Amino acid sequence: MRDTSPEMEQRYRVMLLQRSGVERLKMGCSMHATAQALVRASILEKDPQASPEALRRALFLRFYGQDFDPQSRERILRALELAGR
């Protein structure tokens, strides 16, 4: 779905590119932190007693789970489990 005109998209892009690389990096990090906080809240809403390990696993699956084949995904989940010990 595209609800923004090409002219406005171009204007927005020009405005972003006027910012320094550091400013753009900070914006990206801030957006990632916000997304992570929202996902974490969603996970805890469904399971308020979720352990830190369960949170790590759920965050990984939400953000990156579809990027890996099933075998790789399971290997990563096992590594996350071991890293939490």
PDB file of N, CA and C in Angstrom:
ATOM      1  N   MET A   1       0.840  -1.169   0.000  1.00  0.00           N
ATOM      2  CA  MET A   1       0.000   0.000   0.000  1.00  0.00           C
ATOM      3  C   MET A   1       0.893   1.242   0.000  1.00  0.00           C
ATOM      4  N   ARG A   2       0.562   2.163  -0.847  1.00  0.00           N
ATOM      5  CA  ARG A   2       1.315   3.414  -0.915  1.00  0.00           C
ATOM      6  C   ARG A   2       0.323   4.563  -0.717  1.00  0.00           C
ATOM      7  N   ASP A   3       0.475   5.241   0.397  1.00  0.00           N
ATOM      8  CA  ASP A   3      -0.416   6.360   0.677  1.00  0.00           C
ATOM      9  C   ASP A   3       0.313   7.701   0.663  1.00  0.00           C
ATOM     10  N   THR A   4       1.550   7.672   0.184  1.00  0.00           N
ATOM     11  CA  THR A   4       2.351   8.892   0.117  1.00  0.00           C
ATOM     12  C   THR A   4       2.692   9.174  -1.342  1.00  0.00           C
ATOM     13  N   SER A   5       2.510  10.396  -1.730  1.00  0.00           N
ATOM     14  CA  SER A   5       2.798  10.752  -3.118  1.00  0.00           C
ATOM     15  C   SER A   5       4.305  10.662  -3.381  1.00  0.00           C
ATOM     16  N   PRO A   6       4.689  10.390  -4.625  1.00  0.00           N
ATOM     17  CA  PRO A   6       6.120  10.335  -4.954  1.00  0.00           C
ATOM     18  C   PRO A   6       6.849  11.640  -4.614  1.00  0.00           C
ATOM     19  N   GLU A   7       6.166  12.761  -4.771  1.00  0.00           N
ATOM     20  CA  GLU A   7       6.784  14.050  -4.465  1.00  0.00           C
ATOM     21  C   GLU A   7       7.113  14.153  -2.973  1.00  0.00           C
ATOM     22  N   MET A   8       6.180  13.710  -2.130  1.00  0.00           N
ATOM     23  CA  MET A   8       6.419  13.765  -0.688  1.00  0.00           C
ATOM     24  C   MET A   8       7.494  12.769  -0.278  1.00  0.00           C
ATOM     25  N   GLU A   9       7.520  11.607  -0.888  1.00  0.00           N
ATOM     26  CA  GLU A   9       8.571  10.634  -0.595  1.00  0.00           C
ATOM     27  C   GLU A   9       9.937  11.221  -0.924  1.00  0.00           C
ATOM     28  N   GLN A  10      10.038  11.898  -2.065  1.00  0.00           N
ATOM     29  CA  GLN A  10      11.295  12.516  -2.464  1.00  0.00           C
ATOM     30  C   GLN A  10      11.680  13.628  -1.497  1.00  0.00           C
ATOM     31  N   ARG A  11      10.709  14.421  -1.100  1.00  0.00           N
ATOM     32  CA  ARG A  11      10.982  15.512  -0.159  1.00  0.00           C
ATOM     33  C   ARG A  11      11.489  14.953   1.176  1.00  0.00           C
ATOM     34  N   TYR A  12      10.849  13.883   1.652  1.00  0.00           N
ATOM     35  CA  TYR A  12      11.255  13.250   2.900  1.00  0.00           C
ATOM     36  C   TYR A  12      12.668  12.700   2.775  1.00  0.00           C
ATOM     37  N   ARG A  13      12.961  12.053   1.655  1.00  0.00           N
ATOM     38  CA  ARG A  13      14.296  11.495   1.436  1.00  0.00           C
ATOM     39  C   ARG A  13      15.357  12.596   1.460  1.00  0.00           C
ATOM     40  N   VAL A  14      15.084  13.714   0.808  1.00  0.00           N
ATOM     41  CA  VAL A  14      16.024  14.837   0.796  1.00  0.00           C
ATOM     42  C   VAL A  14      16.255  15.340   2.229  1.00  0.00           C
ATOM     43  N   MET A  15      15.170  15.435   2.995  1.00  0.00           N
ATOM     44  CA  MET A  15      15.297  15.904   4.381  1.00  0.00           C
ATOM     45  C   MET A  15      16.154  14.934   5.204  1.00  0.00           C
ATOM     46  N   LEU A  16      15.941  13.634   5.015  1.00  0.00           N
ATOM     47  CA  LEU A  16      16.752  12.657   5.751  1.00  0.00           C
ATOM     48  C   LEU A  16      18.217  12.755   5.368  1.00  0.00           C
ATOM     49  N   LEU A  17      18.481  12.895   4.087  1.00  0.00           N
ATOM     50  CA  LEU A  17      19.863  12.940   3.623  1.00  0.00           C
ATOM     51  C   LEU A  17      20.573  14.228   4.012  1.00  0.00           C
ATOM     52  N   GLN A  18      19.822  15.226   4.429  1.00  0.00           N
ATOM     53  CA  GLN A  18      20.440  16.460   4.914  1.00  0.00           C
ATOM     54  C   GLN A  18      21.008  16.280   6.328  1.00  0.00           C
ATOM     55  N   ARG A  19      20.552  15.240   6.999  1.00  0.00           N
ATOM     56  CA  ARG A  19      21.066  14.957   8.342  1.00  0.00           C
ATOM     57  C   ARG A  19      22.434  14.290   8.223  1.00  0.00           C
ATOM     58  N   SER A  20      23.207  14.407   9.269  1.00  0.00           N
ATOM     59  CA  SER A  20      24.525  13.768   9.249  1.00  0.00           C
ATOM     60  C   SER A  20      24.354  12.254   9.401  1.00  0.00           C
ATOM     61  N   GLY A  21      25.403  11.536   9.074  1.00  0.00           N
ATOM     62  CA  GLY A  21      25.381  10.089   9.238  1.00  0.00           C
ATOM     63  C   GLY A  21      25.127   9.694  10.681  1.00  0.00           C
ATOM     64  N   VAL A  22      25.712  10.438  11.607  1.00  0.00           N
ATOM     65  CA  VAL A  22      25.528  10.156  13.034  1.00  0.00           C
ATOM     66  C   VAL A  22      24.058  10.346  13.421  1.00  0.00           C
ATOM     67  N   GLU A  23      23.446  11.419  12.927  1.00  0.00           N
ATOM     68  CA  GLU A  23      22.035  11.670  13.242  1.00  0.00           C
ATOM     69  C   GLU A  23      21.151  10.551  12.685  1.00  0.00           C
ATOM     70  N   ARG A  24      21.433  10.117  11.464  1.00  0.00           N
ATOM     71  CA  ARG A  24      20.639   9.033  10.865  1.00  0.00           C
ATOM     72  C   ARG A  24      20.841   7.726  11.625  1.00  0.00           C
ATOM     73  N   LEU A  25      22.058   7.472  12.060  1.00  0.00           N
ATOM     74  CA  LEU A  25      22.327   6.270  12.842  1.00  0.00           C
ATOM     75  C   LEU A  25      21.559   6.318  14.166  1.00  0.00           C
ATOM     76  N   LYS A  26      21.582   7.472  14.831  1.00  0.00           N
ATOM     77  CA  LYS A  26      20.846   7.621  16.081  1.00  0.00           C
ATOM     78  C   LYS A  26      19.346   7.409  15.863  1.00  0.00           C
ATOM     79  N   MET A  27      18.817   7.924  14.771  1.00  0.00           N
ATOM     80  CA  MET A  27      17.402   7.732  14.464  1.00  0.00           C
ATOM     81  C   MET A  27      17.093   6.243  14.290  1.00  0.00           C
ATOM     82  N   GLY A  28      17.940   5.560  13.560  1.00  0.00           N
ATOM     83  CA  GLY A  28      17.732   4.129  13.337  1.00  0.00           C
ATOM     84  C   GLY A  28      17.804   3.342  14.626  1.00  0.00           C
ATOM     85  N   CYS A  29      18.781   3.656  15.463  1.00  0.00           N
ATOM     86  CA  CYS A  29      18.918   2.960  16.755  1.00  0.00           C
ATOM     87  C   CYS A  29      17.711   3.228  17.640  1.00  0.00           C
ATOM     88  N   SER A  30      17.236   4.456  17.628  1.00  0.00           N
ATOM     89  CA  SER A  30      16.066   4.810  18.417  1.00  0.00           C
ATOM     90  C   SER A  30      14.828   4.057  17.929  1.00  0.00           C
ATOM     91  N   MET A  31      14.667   3.963  16.620  1.00  0.00           N
ATOM     92  CA  MET A  31      13.517   3.231  16.072  1.00  0.00           C
ATOM     93  C   MET A  31      13.595   1.752  16.433  1.00  0.00           C
ATOM     94  N   HIS A  32      14.800   1.173  16.374  1.00  0.00           N
ATOM     95  CA  HIS A  32      14.965  -0.238  16.727  1.00  0.00           C
ATOM     96  C   HIS A  32      14.646  -0.441  18.213  1.00  0.00           C
ATOM     97  N   ALA A  33      15.131   0.433  19.064  1.00  0.00           N
ATOM     98  CA  ALA A  33      14.866   0.315  20.502  1.00  0.00           C
ATOM     99  C   ALA A  33      13.368   0.425  20.791  1.00  0.00           C
ATOM    100  N   THR A  34      12.696   1.314  20.090  1.00  0.00           N
ATOM    101  CA  THR A  34      11.249   1.463  20.274  1.00  0.00           C
ATOM    102  C   THR A  34      10.522   0.203  19.824  1.00  0.00           C
ATOM    103  N   ALA A  35      10.894  -0.327  18.659  1.00  0.00           N
ATOM    104  CA  ALA A  35      10.272  -1.556  18.165  1.00  0.00           C
ATOM    105  C   ALA A  35      10.507  -2.703  19.137  1.00  0.00           C
ATOM    106  N   GLN A  36      11.715  -2.801  19.655  1.00  0.00           N
ATOM    107  CA  GLN A  36      12.035  -3.867  20.597  1.00  0.00           C
ATOM    108  C   GLN A  36      11.207  -3.720  21.882  1.00  0.00           C
ATOM    109  N   ALA A  37      11.051  -2.510  22.367  1.00  0.00           N
ATOM    110  CA  ALA A  37      10.254  -2.279  23.577  1.00  0.00           C
ATOM    111  C   ALA A  37       8.793  -2.654  23.341  1.00  0.00           C
ATOM    112  N   LEU A  38       8.266  -2.332  22.169  1.00  0.00           N
ATOM    113  CA  LEU A  38       6.880  -2.678  21.857  1.00  0.00           C
ATOM    114  C   LEU A  38       6.691  -4.187  21.775  1.00  0.00           C
ATOM    115  N   VAL A  39       7.622  -4.868  21.144  1.00  0.00           N
ATOM    116  CA  VAL A  39       7.534  -6.327  21.031  1.00  0.00           C
ATOM    117  C   VAL A  39       7.685  -6.957  22.412  1.00  0.00           C
ATOM    118  N   ARG A  40       8.631  -6.474  23.193  1.00  0.00           N
ATOM    119  CA  ARG A  40       8.829  -6.994  24.556  1.00  0.00           C
ATOM    120  C   ARG A  40       7.536  -6.837  25.371  1.00  0.00           C
ATOM    121  N   ALA A  41       6.897  -5.669  25.277  1.00  0.00           N
ATOM    122  CA  ALA A  41       5.645  -5.436  26.006  1.00  0.00           C
ATOM    123  C   ALA A  41       4.557  -6.396  25.536  1.00  0.00           C
ATOM    124  N   SER A  42       4.498  -6.649  24.247  1.00  0.00           N
ATOM    125  CA  SER A  42       3.517  -7.577  23.697  1.00  0.00           C
ATOM    126  C   SER A  42       3.740  -8.992  24.223  1.00  0.00           C
ATOM    127  N   ILE A  43       4.996  -9.408  24.275  1.00  0.00           N
ATOM    128  CA  ILE A  43       5.333 -10.740  24.783  1.00  0.00           C
ATOM    129  C   ILE A  43       4.952 -10.854  26.252  1.00  0.00           C
ATOM    130  N   LEU A  44       5.294  -9.829  27.026  1.00  0.00           N
ATOM    131  CA  LEU A  44       4.998  -9.854  28.467  1.00  0.00           C
ATOM    132  C   LEU A  44       3.503  -9.731  28.747  1.00  0.00           C
ATOM    133  N   GLU A  45       2.774  -9.106  27.843  1.00  0.00           N
ATOM    134  CA  GLU A  45       1.317  -9.034  28.009  1.00  0.00           C
ATOM    135  C   GLU A  45       0.714 -10.437  27.890  1.00  0.00           C
ATOM    136  N   LYS A  46       1.245 -11.230  26.959  1.00  0.00           N
ATOM    137  CA  LYS A  46       0.754 -12.597  26.779  1.00  0.00           C
ATOM    138  C   LYS A  46       1.251 -13.523  27.874  1.00  0.00           C
ATOM    139  N   ASP A  47       2.471 -13.263  28.376  1.00  0.00           N
ATOM    140  CA  ASP A  47       3.066 -14.115  29.409  1.00  0.00           C
ATOM    141  C   ASP A  47       3.835 -13.242  30.397  1.00  0.00           C
ATOM    142  N   PRO A  48       3.140 -12.689  31.381  1.00  0.00           N
ATOM    143  CA  PRO A  48       3.794 -11.775  32.330  1.00  0.00           C
ATOM    144  C   PRO A  48       4.945 -12.407  33.106  1.00  0.00           C
ATOM    145  N   GLN A  49       4.967 -13.721  33.195  1.00  0.00           N
ATOM    146  CA  GLN A  49       6.012 -14.419  33.946  1.00  0.00           C
ATOM    147  C   GLN A  49       7.145 -14.911  33.050  1.00  0.00           C
ATOM    148  N   ALA A  50       7.213 -14.428  31.813  1.00  0.00           N
ATOM    149  CA  ALA A  50       8.244 -14.893  30.878  1.00  0.00           C
ATOM    150  C   ALA A  50       9.637 -14.645  31.456  1.00  0.00           C
ATOM    151  N   SER A  51      10.461 -15.671  31.379  1.00  0.00           N
ATOM    152  CA  SER A  51      11.838 -15.554  31.870  1.00  0.00           C
ATOM    153  C   SER A  51      12.660 -14.724  30.894  1.00  0.00           C
ATOM    154  N   PRO A  52      13.813 -14.231  31.318  1.00  0.00           N
ATOM    155  CA  PRO A  52      14.691 -13.519  30.388  1.00  0.00           C
ATOM    156  C   PRO A  52      15.042 -14.378  29.164  1.00  0.00           C
ATOM    157  N   GLU A  53      15.240 -15.666  29.384  1.00  0.00           N
ATOM    158  CA  GLU A  53      15.539 -16.581  28.271  1.00  0.00           C
ATOM    159  C   GLU A  53      14.359 -16.655  27.299  1.00  0.00           C
ATOM    160  N   ALA A  54      13.161 -16.773  27.837  1.00  0.00           N
ATOM    161  CA  ALA A  54      11.968 -16.824  26.983  1.00  0.00           C
ATOM    162  C   ALA A  54      11.806 -15.523  26.196  1.00  0.00           C
ATOM    163  N   LEU A  55      12.112 -14.407  26.839  1.00  0.00           N
ATOM    164  CA  LEU A  55      12.044 -13.110  26.148  1.00  0.00           C
ATOM    165  C   LEU A  55      13.046 -13.044  25.003  1.00  0.00           C
ATOM    166  N   ARG A  56      14.280 -13.485  25.250  1.00  0.00           N
ATOM    167  CA  ARG A  56      15.300 -13.476  24.190  1.00  0.00           C
ATOM    168  C   ARG A  56      14.843 -14.310  23.005  1.00  0.00           C
ATOM    169  N   ARG A  57      14.323 -15.500  23.303  1.00  0.00           N
ATOM    170  CA  ARG A  57      13.866 -16.397  22.231  1.00  0.00           C
ATOM    171  C   ARG A  57      12.713 -15.766  21.447  1.00  0.00           C
ATOM    172  N   ALA A  58      11.748 -15.220  22.177  1.00  0.00           N
ATOM    173  CA  ALA A  58      10.587 -14.625  21.522  1.00  0.00           C
ATOM    174  C   ALA A  58      10.967 -13.404  20.691  1.00  0.00           C
ATOM    175  N   LEU A  59      11.874 -12.583  21.225  1.00  0.00           N
ATOM    176  CA  LEU A  59      12.342 -11.420  20.459  1.00  0.00           C
ATOM    177  C   LEU A  59      13.034 -11.864  19.172  1.00  0.00           C
ATOM    178  N   PHE A  60      13.893 -12.870  19.289  1.00  0.00           N
ATOM    179  CA  PHE A  60      14.572 -13.372  18.098  1.00  0.00           C
ATOM    180  C   PHE A  60      13.551 -13.857  17.070  1.00  0.00           C
ATOM    181  N   LEU A  61      12.589 -14.643  17.522  1.00  0.00           N
ATOM    182  CA  LEU A  61      11.600 -15.183  16.580  1.00  0.00           C
ATOM    183  C   LEU A  61      10.785 -14.077  15.929  1.00  0.00           C
ATOM    184  N   ARG A  62      10.394 -13.072  16.700  1.00  0.00           N
ATOM    185  CA  ARG A  62       9.599 -11.987  16.143  1.00  0.00           C
ATOM    186  C   ARG A  62      10.378 -11.165  15.116  1.00  0.00           C
ATOM    187  N   PHE A  63      11.635 -10.859  15.436  1.00  0.00           N
ATOM    188  CA  PHE A  63      12.415  -9.997  14.559  1.00  0.00           C
ATOM    189  C   PHE A  63      13.077 -10.751  13.410  1.00  0.00           C
ATOM    190  N   TYR A  64      13.571 -11.945  13.673  1.00  0.00           N
ATOM    191  CA  TYR A  64      14.412 -12.620  12.684  1.00  0.00           C
ATOM    192  C   TYR A  64      13.991 -14.049  12.347  1.00  0.00           C
ATOM    193  N   GLY A  65      12.954 -14.562  12.992  1.00  0.00           N
ATOM    194  CA  GLY A  65      12.576 -15.956  12.821  1.00  0.00           C
ATOM    195  C   GLY A  65      12.327 -16.385  11.392  1.00  0.00           C
ATOM    196  N   GLN A  66      11.731 -15.516  10.591  1.00  0.00           N
ATOM    197  CA  GLN A  66      11.423 -15.869   9.209  1.00  0.00           C
ATOM    198  C   GLN A  66      12.626 -15.752   8.272  1.00  0.00           C
ATOM    199  N   ASP A  67      13.728 -15.242   8.781  1.00  0.00           N
ATOM    200  CA  ASP A  67      14.917 -15.052   7.953  1.00  0.00           C
ATOM    201  C   ASP A  67      15.773 -16.315   7.862  1.00  0.00           C
ATOM    202  N   PHE A  68      15.432 -17.338   8.633  1.00  0.00           N
ATOM    203  CA  PHE A  68      16.259 -18.541   8.700  1.00  0.00           C
ATOM    204  C   PHE A  68      15.439 -19.774   8.389  1.00  0.00           C
ATOM    205  N   ASP A  69      16.104 -20.773   7.818  1.00  0.00           N
ATOM    206  CA  ASP A  69      15.441 -22.054   7.601  1.00  0.00           C
ATOM    207  C   ASP A  69      15.227 -22.708   8.969  1.00  0.00           C
ATOM    208  N   PRO A  70      14.335 -23.700   9.058  1.00  0.00           N
ATOM    209  CA  PRO A  70      14.012 -24.300  10.367  1.00  0.00           C
ATOM    210  C   PRO A  70      15.228 -24.833  11.131  1.00  0.00           C
ATOM    211  N   GLN A  71      16.176 -25.451  10.448  1.00  0.00           N
ATOM    212  CA  GLN A  71      17.338 -26.001  11.135  1.00  0.00           C
ATOM    213  C   GLN A  71      18.203 -24.883  11.726  1.00  0.00           C
ATOM    214  N   SER A  72      18.444 -23.859  10.956  1.00  0.00           N
ATOM    215  CA  SER A  72      19.246 -22.730  11.446  1.00  0.00           C
ATOM    216  C   SER A  72      18.535 -22.032  12.597  1.00  0.00           C
ATOM    217  N   ARG A  73      17.224 -21.862  12.455  1.00  0.00           N
ATOM    218  CA  ARG A  73      16.448 -21.203  13.510  1.00  0.00           C
ATOM    219  C   ARG A  73      16.573 -21.985  14.820  1.00  0.00           C
ATOM    220  N   GLU A  74      16.450 -23.299  14.766  1.00  0.00           N
ATOM    221  CA  GLU A  74      16.568 -24.119  15.982  1.00  0.00           C
ATOM    222  C   GLU A  74      17.973 -24.039  16.578  1.00  0.00           C
ATOM    223  N   ARG A  75      18.983 -24.026  15.716  1.00  0.00           N
ATOM    224  CA  ARG A  75      20.366 -23.916  16.195  1.00  0.00           C
ATOM    225  C   ARG A  75      20.568 -22.584  16.925  1.00  0.00           C
ATOM    226  N   ILE A  76      20.035 -21.527  16.379  1.00  0.00           N
ATOM    227  CA  ILE A  76      20.152 -20.205  17.012  1.00  0.00           C
ATOM    228  C   ILE A  76      19.389 -20.177  18.327  1.00  0.00           C
ATOM    229  N   LEU A  77      18.185 -20.752  18.345  1.00  0.00           N
ATOM    230  CA  LEU A  77      17.406 -20.784  19.588  1.00  0.00           C
ATOM    231  C   LEU A  77      18.139 -21.564  20.672  1.00  0.00           C
ATOM    232  N   ARG A  78      18.773 -22.673  20.310  1.00  0.00           N
ATOM    233  CA  ARG A  78      19.561 -23.438  21.299  1.00  0.00           C
ATOM    234  C   ARG A  78      20.715 -22.589  21.811  1.00  0.00           C
ATOM    235  N   ALA A  79      21.387 -21.863  20.917  1.00  0.00           N
ATOM    236  CA  ALA A  79      22.511 -21.010  21.323  1.00  0.00           C
ATOM    237  C   ALA A  79      22.029 -19.905  22.254  1.00  0.00           C
ATOM    238  N   LEU A  80      20.872 -19.347  21.979  1.00  0.00           N
ATOM    239  CA  LEU A  80      20.310 -18.312  22.871  1.00  0.00           C
ATOM    240  C   LEU A  80      20.015 -18.892  24.247  1.00  0.00           C
ATOM    241  N   GLU A  81      19.531 -20.120  24.263  1.00  0.00           N
ATOM    242  CA  GLU A  81      19.246 -20.790  25.533  1.00  0.00           C
ATOM    243  C   GLU A  81      20.541 -20.984  26.333  1.00  0.00           C
ATOM    244  N   LEU A  82      21.595 -21.424  25.661  1.00  0.00           N
ATOM    245  CA  LEU A  82      22.871 -21.634  26.337  1.00  0.00           C
ATOM    246  C   LEU A  82      23.493 -20.327  26.796  1.00  0.00           C
ATOM    247  N   ALA A  83      23.318 -19.267  26.015  1.00  0.00           N
ATOM    248  CA  ALA A  83      23.899 -17.973  26.352  1.00  0.00           C
ATOM    249  C   ALA A  83      23.266 -17.388  27.614  1.00  0.00           C
ATOM    250  N   GLY A  84      22.032 -17.781  27.895  1.00  0.00           N
ATOM    251  CA  GLY A  84      21.348 -17.267  29.069  1.00  0.00           C
ATOM    252  C   GLY A  84      21.721 -17.936  30.369  1.00  0.00           C
ATOM    253  N   ARG A  85      22.524 -18.982  30.272  1.00  0.00           N
ATOM    254  CA  ARG A  85      22.895 -19.731  31.498  1.00  0.00           C
ATOM    255  C   ARG A  85      24.131 -19.190  32.140  1.00  0.00           C
TER     256      ARG A  85
END
